[in-house]
Amino acid sequence: MLRTIVQRQRSVIAPVRAAMQQSTRKYTDGFSERENAFENKYIRDQEMKKIQALRDQLEKAKKQVDELEAKIGEHHREATAKDQKK
């Protein structure tokens, strides 16, 4: 009885374990460490380019906000100056 339970567990676990090992091998099998390093560097470079593009967008947005705040401040000063003249 115990022997059949162990055999059933092994028959269930073995395919899962094999699939897990195969899924991890798919990506790196056939590639040298050097090739993997090049690919990792490429991926990192692409991510850094995306980050830099987002930083540039943020900088542009900050400049636009500063310009709008300056315009609002100027408009506010003009409006208060007109109110004081009245």
PDB file of N, CA and C in Angstrom:
ATOM      1  N   MET A   1       0.826  -1.190   0.000  1.00  0.00           N
ATOM      2  CA  MET A   1       0.000   0.000   0.000  1.00  0.00           C
ATOM      3  C   MET A   1       0.872   1.256   0.000  1.00  0.00           C
ATOM      4  N   LEU A   2       1.807   1.298   0.915  1.00  0.00           N
ATOM      5  CA  LEU A   2       2.702   2.444   0.999  1.00  0.00           C
ATOM      6  C   LEU A   2       3.541   2.569  -0.268  1.00  0.00           C
ATOM      7  N   ARG A   3       3.942   1.442  -0.803  1.00  0.00           N
ATOM      8  CA  ARG A   3       4.745   1.436  -2.020  1.00  0.00           C
ATOM      9  C   ARG A   3       3.956   2.038  -3.189  1.00  0.00           C
ATOM     10  N   THR A   4       2.697   1.756  -3.321  1.00  0.00           N
ATOM     11  CA  THR A   4       1.894   2.298  -4.426  1.00  0.00           C
ATOM     12  C   THR A   4       1.681   3.791  -4.265  1.00  0.00           C
ATOM     13  N   ILE A   5       1.547   4.259  -3.035  1.00  0.00           N
ATOM     14  CA  ILE A   5       1.391   5.697  -2.793  1.00  0.00           C
ATOM     15  C   ILE A   5       2.655   6.429  -3.203  1.00  0.00           C
ATOM     16  N   VAL A   6       3.805   5.898  -2.829  1.00  0.00           N
ATOM     17  CA  VAL A   6       5.075   6.518  -3.187  1.00  0.00           C
ATOM     18  C   VAL A   6       5.246   6.518  -4.700  1.00  0.00           C
ATOM     19  N   GLN A   7       4.894   5.426  -5.353  1.00  0.00           N
ATOM     20  CA  GLN A   7       5.009   5.358  -6.810  1.00  0.00           C
ATOM     21  C   GLN A   7       4.088   6.372  -7.481  1.00  0.00           C
ATOM     22  N   ARG A   8       2.896   6.550  -6.959  1.00  0.00           N
ATOM     23  CA  ARG A   8       1.965   7.538  -7.517  1.00  0.00           C
ATOM     24  C   ARG A   8       2.517   8.953  -7.349  1.00  0.00           C
ATOM     25  N   GLN A   9       3.062   9.232  -6.171  1.00  0.00           N
ATOM     26  CA  GLN A   9       3.637  10.554  -5.948  1.00  0.00           C
ATOM     27  C   GLN A   9       4.796  10.806  -6.894  1.00  0.00           C
ATOM     28  N   ARG A  10       5.632   9.819  -7.079  1.00  0.00           N
ATOM     29  CA  ARG A  10       6.759   9.967  -7.999  1.00  0.00           C
ATOM     30  C   ARG A  10       6.270  10.173  -9.426  1.00  0.00           C
ATOM     31  N   SER A  11       5.213   9.469  -9.797  1.00  0.00           N
ATOM     32  CA  SER A  11       4.705   9.606 -11.164  1.00  0.00           C
ATOM     33  C   SER A  11       4.093  10.981 -11.387  1.00  0.00           C
ATOM     34  N   VAL A  12       3.609  11.610 -10.336  1.00  0.00           N
ATOM     35  CA  VAL A  12       3.061  12.965 -10.454  1.00  0.00           C
ATOM     36  C   VAL A  12       4.177  14.003 -10.385  1.00  0.00           C
ATOM     37  N   ILE A  13       5.122  13.806  -9.497  1.00  0.00           N
ATOM     38  CA  ILE A  13       6.184  14.783  -9.283  1.00  0.00           C
ATOM     39  C   ILE A  13       7.188  14.789 -10.434  1.00  0.00           C
ATOM     40  N   ALA A  14       7.506  13.640 -10.976  1.00  0.00           N
ATOM     41  CA  ALA A  14       8.544  13.553 -12.009  1.00  0.00           C
ATOM     42  C   ALA A  14       8.250  14.428 -13.229  1.00  0.00           C
ATOM     43  N   PRO A  15       7.044  14.402 -13.813  1.00  0.00           N
ATOM     44  CA  PRO A  15       6.805  15.262 -14.976  1.00  0.00           C
ATOM     45  C   PRO A  15       6.860  16.750 -14.640  1.00  0.00           C
ATOM     46  N   VAL A  16       6.407  17.104 -13.456  1.00  0.00           N
ATOM     47  CA  VAL A  16       6.447  18.506 -13.045  1.00  0.00           C
ATOM     48  C   VAL A  16       7.894  18.950 -12.882  1.00  0.00           C
ATOM     49  N   ARG A  17       8.688  18.147 -12.233  1.00  0.00           N
ATOM     50  CA  ARG A  17      10.098  18.469 -12.037  1.00  0.00           C
ATOM     51  C   ARG A  17      10.819  18.568 -13.384  1.00  0.00           C
ATOM     52  N   ALA A  18      10.529  17.651 -14.289  1.00  0.00           N
ATOM     53  CA  ALA A  18      11.164  17.678 -15.612  1.00  0.00           C
ATOM     54  C   ALA A  18      10.760  18.929 -16.380  1.00  0.00           C
ATOM     55  N   ALA A  19       9.494  19.305 -16.293  1.00  0.00           N
ATOM     56  CA  ALA A  19       9.030  20.512 -16.990  1.00  0.00           C
ATOM     57  C   ALA A  19       9.698  21.755 -16.426  1.00  0.00           C
ATOM     58  N   MET A  20       9.870  21.804 -15.112  1.00  0.00           N
ATOM     59  CA  MET A  20      10.529  22.956 -14.505  1.00  0.00           C
ATOM     60  C   MET A  20      11.980  23.052 -14.956  1.00  0.00           C
ATOM     61  N   GLN A  21      12.669  21.926 -14.983  1.00  0.00           N
ATOM     62  CA  GLN A  21      14.062  21.938 -15.417  1.00  0.00           C
ATOM     63  C   GLN A  21      14.168  22.328 -16.884  1.00  0.00           C
ATOM     64  N   GLN A  22      13.244  21.839 -17.688  1.00  0.00           N
ATOM     65  CA  GLN A  22      13.274  22.142 -19.110  1.00  0.00           C
ATOM     66  C   GLN A  22      12.979  23.612 -19.357  1.00  0.00           C
ATOM     67  N   SER A  23      12.062  24.192 -18.594  1.00  0.00           N
ATOM     68  CA  SER A  23      11.727  25.599 -18.796  1.00  0.00           C
ATOM     69  C   SER A  23      12.903  26.500 -18.439  1.00  0.00           C
ATOM     70  N   THR A  24      13.691  26.119 -17.459  1.00  0.00           N
ATOM     71  CA  THR A  24      14.849  26.945 -17.124  1.00  0.00           C
ATOM     72  C   THR A  24      15.977  26.741 -18.124  1.00  0.00           C
ATOM     73  N   ARG A  25      16.036  25.591 -18.742  1.00  0.00           N
ATOM     74  CA  ARG A  25      17.089  25.319 -19.713  1.00  0.00           C
ATOM     75  C   ARG A  25      16.821  25.990 -21.050  1.00  0.00           C
ATOM     76  N   LYS A  26      15.580  26.197 -21.405  1.00  0.00           N
ATOM     77  CA  LYS A  26      15.235  26.743 -22.720  1.00  0.00           C
ATOM     78  C   LYS A  26      15.968  28.044 -23.001  1.00  0.00           C
ATOM     79  N   TYR A  27      16.013  28.899 -22.021  1.00  0.00           N
ATOM     80  CA  TYR A  27      16.554  30.237 -22.231  1.00  0.00           C
ATOM     81  C   TYR A  27      18.069  30.228 -22.348  1.00  0.00           C
ATOM     82  N   THR A  28      18.735  29.424 -21.549  1.00  0.00           N
ATOM     83  CA  THR A  28      20.192  29.510 -21.506  1.00  0.00           C
ATOM     84  C   THR A  28      20.899  28.362 -22.204  1.00  0.00           C
ATOM     85  N   ASP A  29      20.224  27.275 -22.494  1.00  0.00           N
ATOM     86  CA  ASP A  29      20.898  26.159 -23.159  1.00  0.00           C
ATOM     87  C   ASP A  29      21.373  26.569 -24.535  1.00  0.00           C
ATOM     88  N   GLY A  30      22.563  26.151 -24.861  1.00  0.00           N
ATOM     89  CA  GLY A  30      23.109  26.446 -26.173  1.00  0.00           C
ATOM     90  C   GLY A  30      23.810  27.787 -26.247  1.00  0.00           C
ATOM     91  N   PHE A  31      23.747  28.555 -25.192  1.00  0.00           N
ATOM     92  CA  PHE A  31      24.395  29.862 -25.171  1.00  0.00           C
ATOM     93  C   PHE A  31      25.549  29.834 -24.182  1.00  0.00           C
ATOM     94  N   SER A  32      26.602  30.461 -24.542  1.00  0.00           N
ATOM     95  CA  SER A  32      27.733  30.545 -23.625  1.00  0.00           C
ATOM     96  C   SER A  32      27.476  31.649 -22.605  1.00  0.00           C
ATOM     97  N   GLU A  33      28.289  31.692 -21.585  1.00  0.00           N
ATOM     98  CA  GLU A  33      28.149  32.756 -20.585  1.00  0.00           C
ATOM     99  C   GLU A  33      28.372  34.114 -21.227  1.00  0.00           C
ATOM    100  N   ARG A  34      29.271  34.143 -22.189  1.00  0.00           N
ATOM    101  CA  ARG A  34      29.573  35.405 -22.875  1.00  0.00           C
ATOM    102  C   ARG A  34      28.346  35.899 -23.653  1.00  0.00           C
ATOM    103  N   GLU A  35      27.680  34.966 -24.354  1.00  0.00           N
ATOM    104  CA  GLU A  35      26.478  35.352 -25.104  1.00  0.00           C
ATOM    105  C   GLU A  35      25.378  35.826 -24.163  1.00  0.00           C
ATOM    106  N   ASN A  36      25.226  35.138 -23.042  1.00  0.00           N
ATOM    107  CA  ASN A  36      24.234  35.564 -22.055  1.00  0.00           C
ATOM    108  C   ASN A  36      24.583  36.932 -21.491  1.00  0.00           C
ATOM    109  N   ALA A  37      25.867  37.182 -21.285  1.00  0.00           N
ATOM    110  CA  ALA A  37      26.297  38.484 -20.771  1.00  0.00           C
ATOM    111  C   ALA A  37      25.987  39.584 -21.779  1.00  0.00           C
ATOM    112  N   PHE A  38      26.223  39.308 -23.071  1.00  0.00           N
ATOM    113  CA  PHE A  38      25.893  40.294 -24.103  1.00  0.00           C
ATOM    114  C   PHE A  38      24.399  40.592 -24.123  1.00  0.00           C
ATOM    115  N   GLU A  39      23.589  39.539 -24.016  1.00  0.00           N
ATOM    116  CA  GLU A  39      22.143  39.736 -24.034  1.00  0.00           C
ATOM    117  C   GLU A  39      21.691  40.521 -22.805  1.00  0.00           C
ATOM    118  N   ASN A  40      22.245  40.189 -21.648  1.00  0.00           N
ATOM    119  CA  ASN A  40      21.894  40.927 -20.434  1.00  0.00           C
ATOM    120  C   ASN A  40      22.296  42.390 -20.546  1.00  0.00           C
ATOM    121  N   LYS A  41      23.459  42.651 -21.137  1.00  0.00           N
ATOM    122  CA  LYS A  41      23.914  44.027 -21.325  1.00  0.00           C
ATOM    123  C   LYS A  41      22.973  44.762 -22.275  1.00  0.00           C
ATOM    124  N   TYR A  42      22.552  44.088 -23.347  1.00  0.00           N
ATOM    125  CA  TYR A  42      21.621  44.699 -24.299  1.00  0.00           C
ATOM    126  C   TYR A  42      20.301  45.047 -23.608  1.00  0.00           C
ATOM    127  N   ILE A  43      19.787  44.106 -22.830  1.00  0.00           N
ATOM    128  CA  ILE A  43      18.526  44.348 -22.116  1.00  0.00           C
ATOM    129  C   ILE A  43      18.694  45.510 -21.150  1.00  0.00           C
ATOM    130  N   ARG A  44      19.798  45.550 -20.429  1.00  0.00           N
ATOM    131  CA  ARG A  44      20.050  46.641 -19.483  1.00  0.00           C
ATOM    132  C   ARG A  44      20.149  47.976 -20.216  1.00  0.00           C
ATOM    133  N   ASP A  45      20.845  47.978 -21.366  1.00  0.00           N
ATOM    134  CA  ASP A  45      20.961  49.214 -22.145  1.00  0.00           C
ATOM    135  C   ASP A  45      19.595  49.710 -22.607  1.00  0.00           C
ATOM    136  N   GLN A  46      18.745  48.792 -23.042  1.00  0.00           N
ATOM    137  CA  GLN A  46      17.406  49.177 -23.483  1.00  0.00           C
ATOM    138  C   GLN A  46      16.604  49.759 -22.324  1.00  0.00           C
ATOM    139  N   GLU A  47      16.705  49.152 -21.161  1.00  0.00           N
ATOM    140  CA  GLU A  47      15.999  49.664 -19.988  1.00  0.00           C
ATOM    141  C   GLU A  47      16.520  51.040 -19.596  1.00  0.00           C
ATOM    142  N   MET A  48      17.832  51.231 -19.686  1.00  0.00           N
ATOM    143  CA  MET A  48      18.411  52.531 -19.349  1.00  0.00           C
ATOM    144  C   MET A  48      17.954  53.605 -20.337  1.00  0.00           C
ATOM    145  N   LYS A  49      17.822  53.243 -21.611  1.00  0.00           N
ATOM    146  CA  LYS A  49      17.322  54.194 -22.607  1.00  0.00           C
ATOM    147  C   LYS A  49      15.886  54.599 -22.287  1.00  0.00           C
ATOM    148  N   LYS A  50      15.066  53.628 -21.888  1.00  0.00           N
ATOM    149  CA  LYS A  50      13.682  53.934 -21.516  1.00  0.00           C
ATOM    150  C   LYS A  50      13.646  54.858 -20.301  1.00  0.00           C
ATOM    151  N   ILE A  51      14.485  54.568 -19.324  1.00  0.00           N
ATOM    152  CA  ILE A  51      14.539  55.400 -18.118  1.00  0.00           C
ATOM    153  C   ILE A  51      14.973  56.812 -18.467  1.00  0.00           C
ATOM    154  N   GLN A  52      15.982  56.939 -19.337  1.00  0.00           N
ATOM    155  CA  GLN A  52      16.457  58.265 -19.732  1.00  0.00           C
ATOM    156  C   GLN A  52      15.370  59.026 -20.484  1.00  0.00           C
ATOM    157  N   ALA A  53      14.623  58.331 -21.346  1.00  0.00           N
ATOM    158  CA  ALA A  53      13.528  58.981 -22.067  1.00  0.00           C
ATOM    159  C   ALA A  53      12.470  59.486 -21.086  1.00  0.00           C
ATOM    160  N   LEU A  54      12.166  58.702 -20.071  1.00  0.00           N
ATOM    161  CA  LEU A  54      11.195  59.126 -19.065  1.00  0.00           C
ATOM    162  C   LEU A  54      11.719  60.309 -18.258  1.00  0.00           C
ATOM    163  N   ARG A  55      13.008  60.311 -17.966  1.00  0.00           N
ATOM    164  CA  ARG A  55      13.597  61.449 -17.247  1.00  0.00           C
ATOM    165  C   ARG A  55      13.514  62.717 -18.094  1.00  0.00           C
ATOM    166  N   ASP A  56      13.775  62.568 -19.396  1.00  0.00           N
ATOM    167  CA  ASP A  56      13.673  63.724 -20.290  1.00  0.00           C
ATOM    168  C   ASP A  56      12.248  64.264 -20.326  1.00  0.00           C
ATOM    169  N   GLN A  57      11.274  63.357 -20.400  1.00  0.00           N
ATOM    170  CA  GLN A  57       9.872  63.778 -20.387  1.00  0.00           C
ATOM    171  C   GLN A  57       9.537  64.489 -19.086  1.00  0.00           C
ATOM    172  N   LEU A  58      10.036  63.971 -17.981  1.00  0.00           N
ATOM    173  CA  LEU A  58       9.788  64.597 -16.686  1.00  0.00           C
ATOM    174  C   LEU A  58      10.391  65.991 -16.636  1.00  0.00           C
ATOM    175  N   GLU A  59      11.593  66.150 -17.154  1.00  0.00           N
ATOM    176  CA  GLU A  59      12.254  67.460 -17.173  1.00  0.00           C
ATOM    177  C   GLU A  59      11.457  68.456 -18.017  1.00  0.00           C
ATOM    178  N   LYS A  60      10.967  68.010 -19.174  1.00  0.00           N
ATOM    179  CA  LYS A  60      10.152  68.884 -20.026  1.00  0.00           C
ATOM    180  C   LYS A  60       8.870  69.287 -19.305  1.00  0.00           C
ATOM    181  N   ALA A  61       8.252  68.319 -18.629  1.00  0.00           N
ATOM    182  CA  ALA A  61       7.018  68.615 -17.903  1.00  0.00           C
ATOM    183  C   ALA A  61       7.278  69.613 -16.778  1.00  0.00           C
ATOM    184  N   LYS A  62       8.402  69.464 -16.084  1.00  0.00           N
ATOM    185  CA  LYS A  62       8.741  70.408 -15.013  1.00  0.00           C
ATOM    186  C   LYS A  62       8.942  71.811 -15.569  1.00  0.00           C
ATOM    187  N   LYS A  63       9.594  71.914 -16.725  1.00  0.00           N
ATOM    188  CA  LYS A  63       9.793  73.224 -17.347  1.00  0.00           C
ATOM    189  C   LYS A  63       8.458  73.849 -17.725  1.00  0.00           C
ATOM    190  N   GLN A  64       7.552  73.041 -18.270  1.00  0.00           N
ATOM    191  CA  GLN A  64       6.234  73.556 -18.634  1.00  0.00           C
ATOM    192  C   GLN A  64       5.477  74.029 -17.403  1.00  0.00           C
ATOM    193  N   VAL A  65       5.562  73.277 -16.317  1.00  0.00           N
ATOM    194  CA  VAL A  65       4.890  73.672 -15.080  1.00  0.00           C
ATOM    195  C   VAL A  65       5.467  74.986 -14.570  1.00  0.00           C
ATOM    196  N   ASP A  66       6.794  75.113 -14.600  1.00  0.00           N
ATOM    197  CA  ASP A  66       7.431  76.355 -14.152  1.00  0.00           C
ATOM    198  C   ASP A  66       6.987  77.540 -15.006  1.00  0.00           C
ATOM    199  N   GLU A  67       6.915  77.339 -16.326  1.00  0.00           N
ATOM    200  CA  GLU A  67       6.473  78.412 -17.217  1.00  0.00           C
ATOM    201  C   GLU A  67       5.029  78.805 -16.923  1.00  0.00           C
ATOM    202  N   LEU A  68       4.173  77.811 -16.715  1.00  0.00           N
ATOM    203  CA  LEU A  68       2.771  78.107 -16.409  1.00  0.00           C
ATOM    204  C   LEU A  68       2.636  78.820 -15.067  1.00  0.00           C
ATOM    205  N   GLU A  69       3.412  78.397 -14.081  1.00  0.00           N
ATOM    206  CA  GLU A  69       3.366  79.079 -12.785  1.00  0.00           C
ATOM    207  C   GLU A  69       3.821  80.525 -12.923  1.00  0.00           C
ATOM    208  N   ALA A  70       4.825  80.766 -13.757  1.00  0.00           N
ATOM    209  CA  ALA A  70       5.295  82.133 -13.972  1.00  0.00           C
ATOM    210  C   ALA A  70       4.206  82.969 -14.644  1.00  0.00           C
ATOM    211  N   LYS A  71       3.521  82.398 -15.630  1.00  0.00           N
ATOM    212  CA  LYS A  71       2.439  83.117 -16.307  1.00  0.00           C
ATOM    213  C   LYS A  71       1.294  83.408 -15.343  1.00  0.00           C
ATOM    214  N   ILE A  72       0.965  82.426 -14.517  1.00  0.00           N
ATOM    215  CA  ILE A  72      -0.120  82.623 -13.550  1.00  0.00           C
ATOM    216  C   ILE A  72       0.266  83.704 -12.550  1.00  0.00           C
ATOM    217  N   GLY A  73       1.506  83.662 -12.080  1.00  0.00           N
ATOM    218  CA  GLY A  73       1.979  84.682 -11.137  1.00  0.00           C
ATOM    219  C   GLY A  73       1.938  86.065 -11.758  1.00  0.00           C
ATOM    220  N   GLU A  74       2.355  86.170 -13.018  1.00  0.00           N
ATOM    221  CA  GLU A  74       2.329  87.458 -13.717  1.00  0.00           C
ATOM    222  C   GLU A  74       0.889  87.951 -13.878  1.00  0.00           C
ATOM    223  N   HIS A  75       0.013  87.048 -14.256  1.00  0.00           N
ATOM    224  CA  HIS A  75      -1.398  87.419 -14.415  1.00  0.00           C
ATOM    225  C   HIS A  75      -1.984  87.855 -13.071  1.00  0.00           C
ATOM    226  N   HIS A  76      -1.621  87.147 -12.010  1.00  0.00           N
ATOM    227  CA  HIS A  76      -2.123  87.490 -10.679  1.00  0.00           C
ATOM    228  C   HIS A  76      -1.626  88.875 -10.257  1.00  0.00           C
ATOM    229  N   ARG A  77      -0.353  89.175 -10.524  1.00  0.00           N
ATOM    230  CA  ARG A  77       0.184  90.497 -10.177  1.00  0.00           C
ATOM    231  C   ARG A  77      -0.532  91.593 -10.960  1.00  0.00           C
ATOM    232  N   GLU A  78      -0.779  91.351 -12.241  1.00  0.00           N
ATOM    233  CA  GLU A  78      -1.488  92.342 -13.054  1.00  0.00           C
ATOM    234  C   GLU A  78      -2.905  92.557 -12.538  1.00  0.00           C
ATOM    235  N   ALA A  79      -3.565  91.463 -12.162  1.00  0.00           N
ATOM    236  CA  ALA A  79      -4.936  91.575 -11.666  1.00  0.00           C
ATOM    237  C   ALA A  79      -4.983  92.330 -10.343  1.00  0.00           C
ATOM    238  N   THR A  80      -4.055  92.062  -9.447  1.00  0.00           N
ATOM    239  CA  THR A  80      -4.052  92.781  -8.168  1.00  0.00           C
ATOM    240  C   THR A  80      -3.670  94.241  -8.367  1.00  0.00           C
ATOM    241  N   ALA A  81      -2.805  94.517  -9.328  1.00  0.00           N
ATOM    242  CA  ALA A  81      -2.436  95.913  -9.611  1.00  0.00           C
ATOM    243  C   ALA A  81      -3.650  96.676 -10.132  1.00  0.00           C
ATOM    244  N   LYS A  82      -4.452  96.059 -10.973  1.00  0.00           N
ATOM    245  CA  LYS A  82      -5.657  96.702 -11.506  1.00  0.00           C
ATOM    246  C   LYS A  82      -6.668  96.941 -10.389  1.00  0.00           C
ATOM    247  N   ASP A  83      -6.796  95.953  -9.484  1.00  0.00           N
ATOM    248  CA  ASP A  83      -7.740  96.102  -8.378  1.00  0.00           C
ATOM    249  C   ASP A  83      -7.314  97.224  -7.434  1.00  0.00           C
ATOM    250  N   GLN A  84      -6.028  97.388  -7.225  1.00  0.00           N
ATOM    251  CA  GLN A  84      -5.541  98.428  -6.328  1.00  0.00           C
ATOM    252  C   GLN A  84      -5.745  99.813  -6.937  1.00  0.00           C
ATOM    253  N   LYS A  85      -5.684  99.918  -8.255  1.00  0.00           N
ATOM    254  CA  LYS A  85      -5.886 101.210  -8.912  1.00  0.00           C
ATOM    255  C   LYS A  85      -7.329 101.667  -8.788  1.00  0.00           C
ATOM    256  N   LYS A  86      -8.233 100.743  -8.711  1.00  0.00           N
ATOM    257  CA  LYS A  86      -9.652 101.105  -8.642  1.00  0.00           C
ATOM    258  C   LYS A  86      -9.994 101.664  -7.339  1.00  0.00           C
TER     259      LYS A  86
END
